[in-house]
Amino acid sequence: MAMTMTEPVQILIVEDEPLIAMMLEDFLDVLDKQVAGTVDSVEDALARVAEGGIDAAILDVNLRGGQKSTPVAEALAERGVPFVFATGGADDALDERFRDRPRLQKPFTMDGVAKALGSL
């Protein structure tokens, strides 16, 4: 079976909980992925997305200070970069445009991360 899509390798992590971000970095390492960056705010994430070189992203829906990661999702979608939403809630008030995107439910598991990235 020929793979037309190359599996994403450079993954951006947008997560405001340092311990969770570190855990995701560890998971990605084990899954043979590179971390394209770990950021904890919309502002930093947008700056990192603008730099390019990202194959996929894991976006925490709710960032500190009541920020939603929606602007980051928009920037990634504009560039055709696939992403998965990390969420602890049912739909965590996801923007309607992005409700069809893959979800990664908290608490994260290695298997969950592998499946979510595999679905991109």
PDB file of N, CA and C in Angstrom:
ATOM      1  N   MET A   1       0.845  -1.193   0.000  1.00  0.00           N
ATOM      2  CA  MET A   1       0.000   0.000   0.000  1.00  0.00           C
ATOM      3  C   MET A   1       0.881   1.243   0.000  1.00  0.00           C
ATOM      4  N   ALA A   2       0.781   2.053  -1.022  1.00  0.00           N
ATOM      5  CA  ALA A   2       1.620   3.240  -1.128  1.00  0.00           C
ATOM      6  C   ALA A   2       1.091   4.355  -0.233  1.00  0.00           C
ATOM      7  N   MET A   3       2.004   4.952   0.507  1.00  0.00           N
ATOM      8  CA  MET A   3       1.630   6.090   1.340  1.00  0.00           C
ATOM      9  C   MET A   3       1.855   7.350   0.531  1.00  0.00           C
ATOM     10  N   THR A   4       0.787   8.109   0.278  1.00  0.00           N
ATOM     11  CA  THR A   4       0.971   9.349  -0.459  1.00  0.00           C
ATOM     12  C   THR A   4       1.327  10.468   0.518  1.00  0.00           C
ATOM     13  N   MET A   5       0.643  10.499   1.654  1.00  0.00           N
ATOM     14  CA  MET A   5       0.933  11.498   2.673  1.00  0.00           C
ATOM     15  C   MET A   5       2.119  11.031   3.499  1.00  0.00           C
ATOM     16  N   THR A   6       3.110  11.902   3.640  1.00  0.00           N
ATOM     17  CA  THR A   6       4.189  11.541   4.550  1.00  0.00           C
ATOM     18  C   THR A   6       3.697  11.827   5.963  1.00  0.00           C
ATOM     19  N   GLU A   7       4.089  10.986   6.890  1.00  0.00           N
ATOM     20  CA  GLU A   7       3.645  11.191   8.261  1.00  0.00           C
ATOM     21  C   GLU A   7       4.284  12.449   8.828  1.00  0.00           C
ATOM     22  N   PRO A   8       3.493  13.232   9.560  1.00  0.00           N
ATOM     23  CA  PRO A   8       4.062  14.456  10.120  1.00  0.00           C
ATOM     24  C   PRO A   8       5.198  14.140  11.091  1.00  0.00           C
ATOM     25  N   VAL A   9       6.302  14.886  10.952  1.00  0.00           N
ATOM     26  CA  VAL A   9       7.426  14.677  11.859  1.00  0.00           C
ATOM     27  C   VAL A   9       7.711  15.879  12.756  1.00  0.00           C
ATOM     28  N   GLN A  10       7.597  17.089  12.207  1.00  0.00           N
ATOM     29  CA  GLN A  10       7.859  18.291  13.014  1.00  0.00           C
ATOM     30  C   GLN A  10       6.550  18.752  13.643  1.00  0.00           C
ATOM     31  N   ILE A  11       6.420  18.508  14.939  1.00  0.00           N
ATOM     32  CA  ILE A  11       5.147  18.780  15.607  1.00  0.00           C
ATOM     33  C   ILE A  11       5.266  19.968  16.561  1.00  0.00           C
ATOM     34  N   LEU A  12       4.374  20.925  16.402  1.00  0.00           N
ATOM     35  CA  LEU A  12       4.307  22.068  17.317  1.00  0.00           C
ATOM     36  C   LEU A  12       3.356  21.724  18.466  1.00  0.00           C
ATOM     37  N   ILE A  13       3.803  21.995  19.694  1.00  0.00           N
ATOM     38  CA  ILE A  13       2.954  21.764  20.870  1.00  0.00           C
ATOM     39  C   ILE A  13       2.511  23.117  21.419  1.00  0.00           C
ATOM     40  N   VAL A  14       1.204  23.321  21.497  1.00  0.00           N
ATOM     41  CA  VAL A  14       0.666  24.542  22.095  1.00  0.00           C
ATOM     42  C   VAL A  14      -0.078  24.114  23.358  1.00  0.00           C
ATOM     43  N   GLU A  15       0.563  24.318  24.499  1.00  0.00           N
ATOM     44  CA  GLU A  15       0.053  23.786  25.769  1.00  0.00           C
ATOM     45  C   GLU A  15       0.574  24.668  26.902  1.00  0.00           C
ATOM     46  N   ASP A  16      -0.329  25.110  27.785  1.00  0.00           N
ATOM     47  CA  ASP A  16       0.098  26.040  28.839  1.00  0.00           C
ATOM     48  C   ASP A  16       0.461  25.368  30.167  1.00  0.00           C
ATOM     49  N   GLU A  17       0.318  24.056  30.247  1.00  0.00           N
ATOM     50  CA  GLU A  17       0.723  23.337  31.452  1.00  0.00           C
ATOM     51  C   GLU A  17       2.095  22.718  31.203  1.00  0.00           C
ATOM     52  N   PRO A  18       3.145  23.227  31.856  1.00  0.00           N
ATOM     53  CA  PRO A  18       4.505  22.748  31.579  1.00  0.00           C
ATOM     54  C   PRO A  18       4.655  21.234  31.699  1.00  0.00           C
ATOM     55  N   LEU A  19       4.050  20.625  32.707  1.00  0.00           N
ATOM     56  CA  LEU A  19       4.199  19.176  32.889  1.00  0.00           C
ATOM     57  C   LEU A  19       3.564  18.400  31.743  1.00  0.00           C
ATOM     58  N   ILE A  20       2.406  18.869  31.293  1.00  0.00           N
ATOM     59  CA  ILE A  20       1.723  18.200  30.173  1.00  0.00           C
ATOM     60  C   ILE A  20       2.546  18.385  28.896  1.00  0.00           C
ATOM     61  N   ALA A  21       3.072  19.598  28.705  1.00  0.00           N
ATOM     62  CA  ALA A  21       3.897  19.863  27.523  1.00  0.00           C
ATOM     63  C   ALA A  21       5.115  18.944  27.512  1.00  0.00           C
ATOM     64  N   MET A  22       5.758  18.774  28.682  1.00  0.00           N
ATOM     65  CA  MET A  22       6.930  17.901  28.768  1.00  0.00           C
ATOM     66  C   MET A  22       6.557  16.454  28.477  1.00  0.00           C
ATOM     67  N   MET A  23       5.403  16.043  28.972  1.00  0.00           N
ATOM     68  CA  MET A  23       4.944  14.679  28.721  1.00  0.00           C
ATOM     69  C   MET A  23       4.723  14.473  27.218  1.00  0.00           C
ATOM     70  N   LEU A  24       4.090  15.451  26.568  1.00  0.00           N
ATOM     71  CA  LEU A  24       3.860  15.353  25.120  1.00  0.00           C
ATOM     72  C   LEU A  24       5.196  15.288  24.366  1.00  0.00           C
ATOM     73  N   GLU A  25       6.168  16.096  24.803  1.00  0.00           N
ATOM     74  CA  GLU A  25       7.488  16.057  24.167  1.00  0.00           C
ATOM     75  C   GLU A  25       8.089  14.658  24.280  1.00  0.00           C
ATOM     76  N   ASP A  26       7.950  14.044  25.466  1.00  0.00           N
ATOM     77  CA  ASP A  26       8.456  12.680  25.672  1.00  0.00           C
ATOM     78  C   ASP A  26       7.753  11.685  24.755  1.00  0.00           C
ATOM     79  N   PHE A  27       6.425  11.782  24.679  1.00  0.00           N
ATOM     80  CA  PHE A  27       5.641  10.894  23.808  1.00  0.00           C
ATOM     81  C   PHE A  27       6.119  11.024  22.367  1.00  0.00           C
ATOM     82  N   LEU A  28       6.273  12.277  21.903  1.00  0.00           N
ATOM     83  CA  LEU A  28       6.678  12.504  20.514  1.00  0.00           C
ATOM     84  C   LEU A  28       8.056  11.911  20.248  1.00  0.00           C
ATOM     85  N   ASP A  29       8.930  12.042  21.239  1.00  0.00           N
ATOM     86  CA  ASP A  29      10.270  11.490  21.115  1.00  0.00           C
ATOM     87  C   ASP A  29      10.195   9.974  20.923  1.00  0.00           C
ATOM     88  N   VAL A  30       9.409   9.324  21.753  1.00  0.00           N
ATOM     89  CA  VAL A  30       9.253   7.868  21.664  1.00  0.00           C
ATOM     90  C   VAL A  30       8.613   7.475  20.329  1.00  0.00           C
ATOM     91  N   LEU A  31       7.699   8.310  19.839  1.00  0.00           N
ATOM     92  CA  LEU A  31       7.011   8.023  18.572  1.00  0.00           C
ATOM     93  C   LEU A  31       7.849   8.442  17.361  1.00  0.00           C
ATOM     94  N   ASP A  32       9.099   8.821  17.611  1.00  0.00           N
ATOM     95  CA  ASP A  32      10.003   9.192  16.520  1.00  0.00           C
ATOM     96  C   ASP A  32       9.597  10.473  15.805  1.00  0.00           C
ATOM     97  N   LYS A  33       9.025  11.394  16.537  1.00  0.00           N
ATOM     98  CA  LYS A  33       8.664  12.696  15.969  1.00  0.00           C
ATOM     99  C   LYS A  33       9.601  13.749  16.541  1.00  0.00           C
ATOM    100  N   GLN A  34       9.726  14.859  15.817  1.00  0.00           N
ATOM    101  CA  GLN A  34      10.508  15.989  16.306  1.00  0.00           C
ATOM    102  C   GLN A  34       9.551  17.022  16.883  1.00  0.00           C
ATOM    103  N   VAL A  35       9.995  17.729  17.911  1.00  0.00           N
ATOM    104  CA  VAL A  35       9.186  18.820  18.449  1.00  0.00           C
ATOM    105  C   VAL A  35       9.625  20.097  17.749  1.00  0.00           C
ATOM    106  N   ALA A  36       8.697  20.689  16.996  1.00  0.00           N
ATOM    107  CA  ALA A  36       9.010  21.909  16.242  1.00  0.00           C
ATOM    108  C   ALA A  36       8.990  23.124  17.157  1.00  0.00           C
ATOM    109  N   GLY A  37       8.589  22.909  18.396  1.00  0.00           N
ATOM    110  CA  GLY A  37       8.513  24.002  19.356  1.00  0.00           C
ATOM    111  C   GLY A  37       7.421  23.711  20.363  1.00  0.00           C
ATOM    112  N   THR A  38       7.588  24.274  21.557  1.00  0.00           N
ATOM    113  CA  THR A  38       6.570  24.168  22.591  1.00  0.00           C
ATOM    114  C   THR A  38       6.270  25.582  23.053  1.00  0.00           C
ATOM    115  N   VAL A  39       5.036  26.004  22.883  1.00  0.00           N
ATOM    116  CA  VAL A  39       4.650  27.372  23.249  1.00  0.00           C
ATOM    117  C   VAL A  39       3.409  27.324  24.133  1.00  0.00           C
ATOM    118  N   ASP A  40       3.223  28.381  24.944  1.00  0.00           N
ATOM    119  CA  ASP A  40       2.105  28.337  25.890  1.00  0.00           C
ATOM    120  C   ASP A  40       1.130  29.496  25.739  1.00  0.00           C
ATOM    121  N   SER A  41       1.252  30.251  24.622  1.00  0.00           N
ATOM    122  CA  SER A  41       0.304  31.348  24.403  1.00  0.00           C
ATOM    123  C   SER A  41      -0.016  31.469  22.919  1.00  0.00           C
ATOM    124  N   VAL A  42      -1.139  32.107  22.632  1.00  0.00           N
ATOM    125  CA  VAL A  42      -1.546  32.313  21.239  1.00  0.00           C
ATOM    126  C   VAL A  42      -0.487  33.132  20.505  1.00  0.00           C
ATOM    127  N   GLU A  43      -0.003  34.179  21.165  1.00  0.00           N
ATOM    128  CA  GLU A  43       0.986  35.073  20.565  1.00  0.00           C
ATOM    129  C   GLU A  43       2.249  34.308  20.143  1.00  0.00           C
ATOM    130  N   ASP A  44       2.794  33.513  21.072  1.00  0.00           N
ATOM    131  CA  ASP A  44       4.008  32.747  20.762  1.00  0.00           C
ATOM    132  C   ASP A  44       3.741  31.700  19.688  1.00  0.00           C
ATOM    133  N   ALA A  45       2.566  31.084  19.746  1.00  0.00           N
ATOM    134  CA  ALA A  45       2.221  30.054  18.766  1.00  0.00           C
ATOM    135  C   ALA A  45       2.129  30.654  17.362  1.00  0.00           C
ATOM    136  N   LEU A  46       1.486  31.821  17.245  1.00  0.00           N
ATOM    137  CA  LEU A  46       1.354  32.473  15.937  1.00  0.00           C
ATOM    138  C   LEU A  46       2.720  32.848  15.381  1.00  0.00           C
ATOM    139  N   ALA A  47       3.616  33.316  16.260  1.00  0.00           N
ATOM    140  CA  ALA A  47       4.966  33.666  15.823  1.00  0.00           C
ATOM    141  C   ALA A  47       5.682  32.414  15.309  1.00  0.00           C
ATOM    142  N   ARG A  48       5.525  31.299  16.021  1.00  0.00           N
ATOM    143  CA  ARG A  48       6.190  30.048  15.630  1.00  0.00           C
ATOM    144  C   ARG A  48       5.609  29.515  14.318  1.00  0.00           C
ATOM    145  N   VAL A  49       4.280  29.604  14.163  1.00  0.00           N
ATOM    146  CA  VAL A  49       3.635  29.148  12.925  1.00  0.00           C
ATOM    147  C   VAL A  49       4.145  29.976  11.740  1.00  0.00           C
ATOM    148  N   ALA A  50       4.312  31.273  11.956  1.00  0.00           N
ATOM    149  CA  ALA A  50       4.776  32.169  10.889  1.00  0.00           C
ATOM    150  C   ALA A  50       6.175  31.793  10.410  1.00  0.00           C
ATOM    151  N   GLU A  51       6.980  31.227  11.305  1.00  0.00           N
ATOM    152  CA  GLU A  51       8.338  30.808  10.932  1.00  0.00           C
ATOM    153  C   GLU A  51       8.328  29.611   9.980  1.00  0.00           C
ATOM    154  N   GLY A  52       7.247  28.827  10.015  1.00  0.00           N
ATOM    155  CA  GLY A  52       7.143  27.675   9.128  1.00  0.00           C
ATOM    156  C   GLY A  52       7.907  26.463   9.642  1.00  0.00           C
ATOM    157  N   GLY A  53       7.987  25.426   8.778  1.00  0.00           N
ATOM    158  CA  GLY A  53       8.699  24.216   9.147  1.00  0.00           C
ATOM    159  C   GLY A  53       7.939  23.330  10.119  1.00  0.00           C
ATOM    160  N   ILE A  54       6.626  23.496  10.152  1.00  0.00           N
ATOM    161  CA  ILE A  54       5.789  22.679  11.042  1.00  0.00           C
ATOM    162  C   ILE A  54       4.961  21.725  10.186  1.00  0.00           C
ATOM    163  N   ASP A  55       4.980  20.436  10.540  1.00  0.00           N
ATOM    164  CA  ASP A  55       4.201  19.449   9.783  1.00  0.00           C
ATOM    165  C   ASP A  55       2.824  19.218  10.384  1.00  0.00           C
ATOM    166  N   ALA A  56       2.722  19.432  11.695  1.00  0.00           N
ATOM    167  CA  ALA A  56       1.448  19.223  12.379  1.00  0.00           C
ATOM    168  C   ALA A  56       1.531  19.898  13.742  1.00  0.00           C
ATOM    169  N   ALA A  57       0.381  20.031  14.405  1.00  0.00           N
ATOM    170  CA  ALA A  57       0.383  20.678  15.715  1.00  0.00           C
ATOM    171  C   ALA A  57      -0.625  20.022  16.646  1.00  0.00           C
ATOM    172  N   ILE A  58      -0.294  20.075  17.938  1.00  0.00           N
ATOM    173  CA  ILE A  58      -1.226  19.655  18.986  1.00  0.00           C
ATOM    174  C   ILE A  58      -1.604  20.925  19.730  1.00  0.00           C
ATOM    175  N   LEU A  59      -2.885  21.288  19.662  1.00  0.00           N
ATOM    176  CA  LEU A  59      -3.346  22.539  20.255  1.00  0.00           C
ATOM    177  C   LEU A  59      -4.210  22.288  21.474  1.00  0.00           C
ATOM    178  N   ASP A  60      -3.804  22.828  22.611  1.00  0.00           N
ATOM    179  CA  ASP A  60      -4.670  22.834  23.776  1.00  0.00           C
ATOM    180  C   ASP A  60      -5.771  23.842  23.460  1.00  0.00           C
ATOM    181  N   VAL A  61      -7.032  23.468  23.665  1.00  0.00           N
ATOM    182  CA  VAL A  61      -8.139  24.359  23.310  1.00  0.00           C
ATOM    183  C   VAL A  61      -8.107  25.617  24.166  1.00  0.00           C
ATOM    184  N   ASN A  62      -7.964  25.444  25.471  1.00  0.00           N
ATOM    185  CA  ASN A  62      -7.978  26.571  26.405  1.00  0.00           C
ATOM    186  C   ASN A  62      -6.587  26.845  26.965  1.00  0.00           C
ATOM    187  N   LEU A  63      -6.082  28.038  26.667  1.00  0.00           N
ATOM    188  CA  LEU A  63      -4.773  28.429  27.181  1.00  0.00           C
ATOM    189  C   LEU A  63      -4.970  29.404  28.349  1.00  0.00           C
ATOM    190  N   ARG A  64      -3.896  29.656  29.092  1.00  0.00           N
ATOM    191  CA  ARG A  64      -4.028  30.490  30.282  1.00  0.00           C
ATOM    192  C   ARG A  64      -4.549  31.884  29.957  1.00  0.00           C
ATOM    193  N   GLY A  65      -5.168  32.480  30.961  1.00  0.00           N
ATOM    194  CA  GLY A  65      -5.730  33.817  30.766  1.00  0.00           C
ATOM    195  C   GLY A  65      -6.998  33.778  29.937  1.00  0.00           C
ATOM    196  N   GLY A  66      -7.631  32.595  29.884  1.00  0.00           N
ATOM    197  CA  GLY A  66      -8.890  32.479  29.147  1.00  0.00           C
ATOM    198  C   GLY A  66      -8.726  32.552  27.641  1.00  0.00           C
ATOM    199  N   GLN A  67      -7.486  32.419  27.165  1.00  0.00           N
ATOM    200  CA  GLN A  67      -7.257  32.437  25.713  1.00  0.00           C
ATOM    201  C   GLN A  67      -7.723  31.135  25.091  1.00  0.00           C
ATOM    202  N   LYS A  68      -8.319  31.261  23.911  1.00  0.00           N
ATOM    203  CA  LYS A  68      -8.644  30.066  23.119  1.00  0.00           C
ATOM    204  C   LYS A  68      -7.589  29.947  22.024  1.00  0.00           C
ATOM    205  N   SER A  69      -7.279  28.720  21.629  1.00  0.00           N
ATOM    206  CA  SER A  69      -6.241  28.541  20.603  1.00  0.00           C
ATOM    207  C   SER A  69      -6.798  28.696  19.183  1.00  0.00           C
ATOM    208  N   THR A  70      -8.040  29.184  19.056  1.00  0.00           N
ATOM    209  CA  THR A  70      -8.677  29.337  17.737  1.00  0.00           C
ATOM    210  C   THR A  70      -7.828  30.116  16.720  1.00  0.00           C
ATOM    211  N   PRO A  71      -7.213  31.269  17.103  1.00  0.00           N
ATOM    212  CA  PRO A  71      -6.405  31.987  16.107  1.00  0.00           C
ATOM    213  C   PRO A  71      -5.247  31.146  15.572  1.00  0.00           C
ATOM    214  N   VAL A  72      -4.712  30.275  16.420  1.00  0.00           N
ATOM    215  CA  VAL A  72      -3.618  29.393  15.998  1.00  0.00           C
ATOM    216  C   VAL A  72      -4.159  28.371  15.000  1.00  0.00           C
ATOM    217  N   ALA A  73      -5.341  27.821  15.293  1.00  0.00           N
ATOM    218  CA  ALA A  73      -5.983  26.870  14.383  1.00  0.00           C
ATOM    219  C   ALA A  73      -6.215  27.522  13.023  1.00  0.00           C
ATOM    220  N   GLU A  74      -6.664  28.781  13.039  1.00  0.00           N
ATOM    221  CA  GLU A  74      -6.902  29.505  11.783  1.00  0.00           C
ATOM    222  C   GLU A  74      -5.611  29.659  10.988  1.00  0.00           C
ATOM    223  N   ALA A  75      -4.534  30.041  11.682  1.00  0.00           N
ATOM    224  CA  ALA A  75      -3.244  30.245  11.007  1.00  0.00           C
ATOM    225  C   ALA A  75      -2.731  28.941  10.401  1.00  0.00           C
ATOM    226  N   LEU A  76      -2.898  27.847  11.161  1.00  0.00           N
ATOM    227  CA  LEU A  76      -2.450  26.540  10.658  1.00  0.00           C
ATOM    228  C   LEU A  76      -3.299  26.110   9.467  1.00  0.00           C
ATOM    229  N   ALA A  77      -4.621  26.284   9.577  1.00  0.00           N
ATOM    230  CA  ALA A  77      -5.533  25.893   8.499  1.00  0.00           C
ATOM    231  C   ALA A  77      -5.203  26.664   7.215  1.00  0.00           C
ATOM    232  N   GLU A  78      -4.915  27.958   7.357  1.00  0.00           N
ATOM    233  CA  GLU A  78      -4.546  28.782   6.199  1.00  0.00           C
ATOM    234  C   GLU A  78      -3.328  28.224   5.480  1.00  0.00           C
ATOM    235  N   ARG A  79      -2.402  27.654   6.260  1.00  0.00           N
ATOM    236  CA  ARG A  79      -1.169  27.116   5.677  1.00  0.00           C
ATOM    237  C   ARG A  79      -1.306  25.649   5.306  1.00  0.00           C
ATOM    238  N   GLY A  80      -2.481  25.073   5.558  1.00  0.00           N
ATOM    239  CA  GLY A  80      -2.683  23.669   5.231  1.00  0.00           C
ATOM    240  C   GLY A  80      -1.934  22.724   6.153  1.00  0.00           C
ATOM    241  N   VAL A  81      -1.635  23.188   7.374  1.00  0.00           N
ATOM    242  CA  VAL A  81      -0.943  22.350   8.351  1.00  0.00           C
ATOM    243  C   VAL A  81      -1.986  21.638   9.209  1.00  0.00           C
ATOM    244  N   PRO A  82      -1.971  20.301   9.249  1.00  0.00           N
ATOM    245  CA  PRO A  82      -2.963  19.575  10.042  1.00  0.00           C
ATOM    246  C   PRO A  82      -2.701  19.741  11.540  1.00  0.00           C
ATOM    247  N   PHE A  83      -3.764  19.695  12.322  1.00  0.00           N
ATOM    248  CA  PHE A  83      -3.602  19.805  13.761  1.00  0.00           C
ATOM    249  C   PHE A  83      -4.671  19.004  14.474  1.00  0.00           C
ATOM    250  N   VAL A  84      -4.400  18.736  15.738  1.00  0.00           N
ATOM    251  CA  VAL A  84      -5.349  18.016  16.574  1.00  0.00           C
ATOM    252  C   VAL A  84      -5.567  18.860  17.821  1.00  0.00           C
ATOM    253  N   PHE A  85      -6.812  18.909  18.283  1.00  0.00           N
ATOM    254  CA  PHE A  85      -7.130  19.657  19.489  1.00  0.00           C
ATOM    255  C   PHE A  85      -6.978  18.779  20.719  1.00  0.00           C
ATOM    256  N   ALA A  86      -6.276  19.287  21.706  1.00  0.00           N
ATOM    257  CA  ALA A  86      -6.182  18.607  22.997  1.00  0.00           C
ATOM    258  C   ALA A  86      -7.251  19.214  23.896  1.00  0.00           C
ATOM    259  N   THR A  87      -8.102  18.378  24.440  1.00  0.00           N
ATOM    260  CA  THR A  87      -9.209  18.901  25.223  1.00  0.00           C
ATOM    261  C   THR A  87      -9.545  18.018  26.403  1.00  0.00           C
ATOM    262  N   GLY A  88      -9.928  18.654  27.484  1.00  0.00           N
ATOM    263  CA  GLY A  88     -10.347  17.903  28.664  1.00  0.00           C
ATOM    264  C   GLY A  88     -11.850  17.809  28.723  1.00  0.00           C
ATOM    265  N   GLY A  89     -12.533  18.660  27.970  1.00  0.00           N
ATOM    266  CA  GLY A  89     -13.996  18.709  28.038  1.00  0.00           C
ATOM    267  C   GLY A  89     -14.664  17.998  26.891  1.00  0.00           C
ATOM    268  N   ALA A  90     -15.982  18.074  26.857  1.00  0.00           N
ATOM    269  CA  ALA A  90     -16.755  17.433  25.795  1.00  0.00           C
ATOM    270  C   ALA A  90     -16.397  18.069  24.458  1.00  0.00           C
ATOM    271  N   ASP A  91     -16.826  19.320  24.245  1.00  0.00           N
ATOM    272  CA  ASP A  91     -16.348  19.979  23.020  1.00  0.00           C
ATOM    273  C   ASP A  91     -15.578  21.243  23.385  1.00  0.00           C
ATOM    274  N   ASP A  92     -15.463  21.523  24.700  1.00  0.00           N
ATOM    275  CA  ASP A  92     -14.663  22.651  25.163  1.00  0.00           C
ATOM    276  C   ASP A  92     -14.931  23.925  24.373  1.00  0.00           C
ATOM    277  N   ALA A  93     -16.176  24.105  23.937  1.00  0.00           N
ATOM    278  CA  ALA A  93     -16.539  25.297  23.173  1.00  0.00           C
ATOM    279  C   ALA A  93     -15.616  25.486  21.971  1.00  0.00           C
ATOM    280  N   LEU A  94     -15.412  24.412  21.232  1.00  0.00           N
ATOM    281  CA  LEU A  94     -14.600  24.484  20.018  1.00  0.00           C
ATOM    282  C   LEU A  94     -15.318  25.318  18.970  1.00  0.00           C
ATOM    283  N   ASP A  95     -14.549  26.094  18.238  1.00  0.00           N
ATOM    284  CA  ASP A  95     -15.094  26.867  17.135  1.00  0.00           C
ATOM    285  C   ASP A  95     -15.750  25.910  16.137  1.00  0.00           C
ATOM    286  N   GLU A  96     -16.932  26.255  15.680  1.00  0.00           N
ATOM    287  CA  GLU A  96     -17.701  25.355  14.784  1.00  0.00           C
ATOM    288  C   GLU A  96     -16.912  24.922  13.563  1.00  0.00           C
ATOM    289  N   ARG A  97     -16.086  25.831  13.034  1.00  0.00           N
ATOM    290  CA  ARG A  97     -15.335  25.504  11.816  1.00  0.00           C
ATOM    291  C   ARG A  97     -14.377  24.338  12.034  1.00  0.00           C
ATOM    292  N   PHE A  98     -14.008  24.117  13.292  1.00  0.00           N
ATOM    293  CA  PHE A  98     -12.978  23.122  13.566  1.00  0.00           C
ATOM    294  C   PHE A  98     -13.493  21.897  14.311  1.00  0.00           C
ATOM    295  N   ARG A  99     -14.833  21.748  14.398  1.00  0.00           N
ATOM    296  CA  ARG A  99     -15.375  20.629  15.179  1.00  0.00           C
ATOM    297  C   ARG A  99     -15.082  19.272  14.548  1.00  0.00           C
ATOM    298  N   ASP A 100     -14.719  19.287  13.250  1.00  0.00           N
ATOM    299  CA  ASP A 100     -14.448  18.016  12.561  1.00  0.00           C
ATOM    300  C   ASP A 100     -12.989  17.594  12.711  1.00  0.00           C
ATOM    301  N   ARG A 101     -12.181  18.425  13.363  1.00  0.00           N
ATOM    302  CA  ARG A 101     -10.766  18.090  13.525  1.00  0.00           C
ATOM    303  C   ARG A 101     -10.600  16.994  14.580  1.00  0.00           C
ATOM    304  N   PRO A 102      -9.529  16.203  14.448  1.00  0.00           N
ATOM    305  CA  PRO A 102      -9.306  15.140  15.437  1.00  0.00           C
ATOM    306  C   PRO A 102      -9.107  15.718  16.836  1.00  0.00           C
ATOM    307  N   ARG A 103      -9.531  14.964  17.843  1.00  0.00           N
ATOM    308  CA  ARG A 103      -9.387  15.392  19.241  1.00  0.00           C
ATOM    309  C   ARG A 103      -8.463  14.443  19.969  1.00  0.00           C
ATOM    310  N   LEU A 104      -7.757  15.019  20.921  1.00  0.00           N
ATOM    311  CA  LEU A 104      -6.908  14.245  21.810  1.00  0.00           C
ATOM    312  C   LEU A 104      -7.466  14.501  23.198  1.00  0.00           C
ATOM    313  N   GLN A 105      -8.047  13.476  23.803  1.00  0.00           N
ATOM    314  CA  GLN A 105      -8.680  13.657  25.105  1.00  0.00           C
ATOM    315  C   GLN A 105      -7.658  13.603  26.228  1.00  0.00           C
ATOM    316  N   LYS A 106      -7.800  14.521  27.175  1.00  0.00           N
ATOM    317  CA  LYS A 106      -6.993  14.457  28.391  1.00  0.00           C
ATOM    318  C   LYS A 106      -7.676  13.500  29.356  1.00  0.00           C
ATOM    319  N   PRO A 107      -6.949  12.787  30.198  1.00  0.00           N
ATOM    320  CA  PRO A 107      -5.487  12.733  30.255  1.00  0.00           C
ATOM    321  C   PRO A 107      -4.905  12.001  29.042  1.00  0.00           C
ATOM    322  N   PHE A 108      -3.779  12.502  28.541  1.00  0.00           N
ATOM    323  CA  PHE A 108      -3.156  11.928  27.360  1.00  0.00           C
ATOM    324  C   PHE A 108      -2.544  10.572  27.639  1.00  0.00           C
ATOM    325  N   THR A 109      -2.572   9.727  26.626  1.00  0.00           N
ATOM    326  CA  THR A 109      -1.833   8.468  26.680  1.00  0.00           C
ATOM    327  C   THR A 109      -0.964   8.414  25.435  1.00  0.00           C
ATOM    328  N   MET A 110       0.069   7.645  25.486  1.00  0.00           N
ATOM    329  CA  MET A 110       0.947   7.470  24.328  1.00  0.00           C
ATOM    330  C   MET A 110       0.126   6.986  23.131  1.00  0.00           C
ATOM    331  N   ASP A 111      -0.752   6.027  23.395  1.00  0.00           N
ATOM    332  CA  ASP A 111      -1.609   5.462  22.360  1.00  0.00           C
ATOM    333  C   ASP A 111      -2.508   6.540  21.745  1.00  0.00           C
ATOM    334  N   GLY A 112      -3.068   7.372  22.624  1.00  0.00           N
ATOM    335  CA  GLY A 112      -3.949   8.436  22.159  1.00  0.00           C
ATOM    336  C   GLY A 112      -3.230   9.414  21.244  1.00  0.00           C
ATOM    337  N   VAL A 113      -2.003   9.777  21.646  1.00  0.00           N
ATOM    338  CA  VAL A 113      -1.209  10.711  20.849  1.00  0.00           C
ATOM    339  C   VAL A 113      -0.859  10.076  19.499  1.00  0.00           C
ATOM    340  N   ALA A 114      -0.471   8.810  19.529  1.00  0.00           N
ATOM    341  CA  ALA A 114      -0.113   8.096  18.293  1.00  0.00           C
ATOM    342  C   ALA A 114      -1.312   8.037  17.349  1.00  0.00           C
ATOM    343  N   LYS A 115      -2.496   7.713  17.894  1.00  0.00           N
ATOM    344  CA  LYS A 115      -3.709   7.626  17.067  1.00  0.00           C
ATOM    345  C   LYS A 115      -4.083   8.991  16.485  1.00  0.00           C
ATOM    346  N   ALA A 116      -4.026  10.025  17.324  1.00  0.00           N
ATOM    347  CA  ALA A 116      -4.406  11.368  16.882  1.00  0.00           C
ATOM    348  C   ALA A 116      -3.501  11.814  15.749  1.00  0.00           C
ATOM    349  N   LEU A 117      -2.197  11.618  15.882  1.00  0.00           N
ATOM    350  CA  LEU A 117      -1.262  12.024  14.833  1.00  0.00           C
ATOM    351  C   LEU A 117      -1.440  11.149  13.592  1.00  0.00           C
ATOM    352  N   GLY A 118      -1.753   9.881  13.807  1.00  0.00           N
ATOM    353  CA  GLY A 118      -1.969   8.986  12.695  1.00  0.00           C
ATOM    354  C   GLY A 118      -3.189   9.351  11.869  1.00  0.00           C
ATOM    355  N   SER A 119      -4.137  10.056  12.523  1.00  0.00           N
ATOM    356  CA  SER A 119      -5.388  10.419  11.827  1.00  0.00           C
ATOM    357  C   SER A 119      -5.224  11.677  10.994  1.00  0.00           C
ATOM    358  N   LEU A 120      -4.092  12.356  11.093  1.00  0.00           N
ATOM    359  CA  LEU A 120      -3.916  13.624  10.371  1.00  0.00           C
ATOM    360  C   LEU A 120      -3.596  13.422   8.891  1.00  0.00           C
TER     361      LEU A 120
END
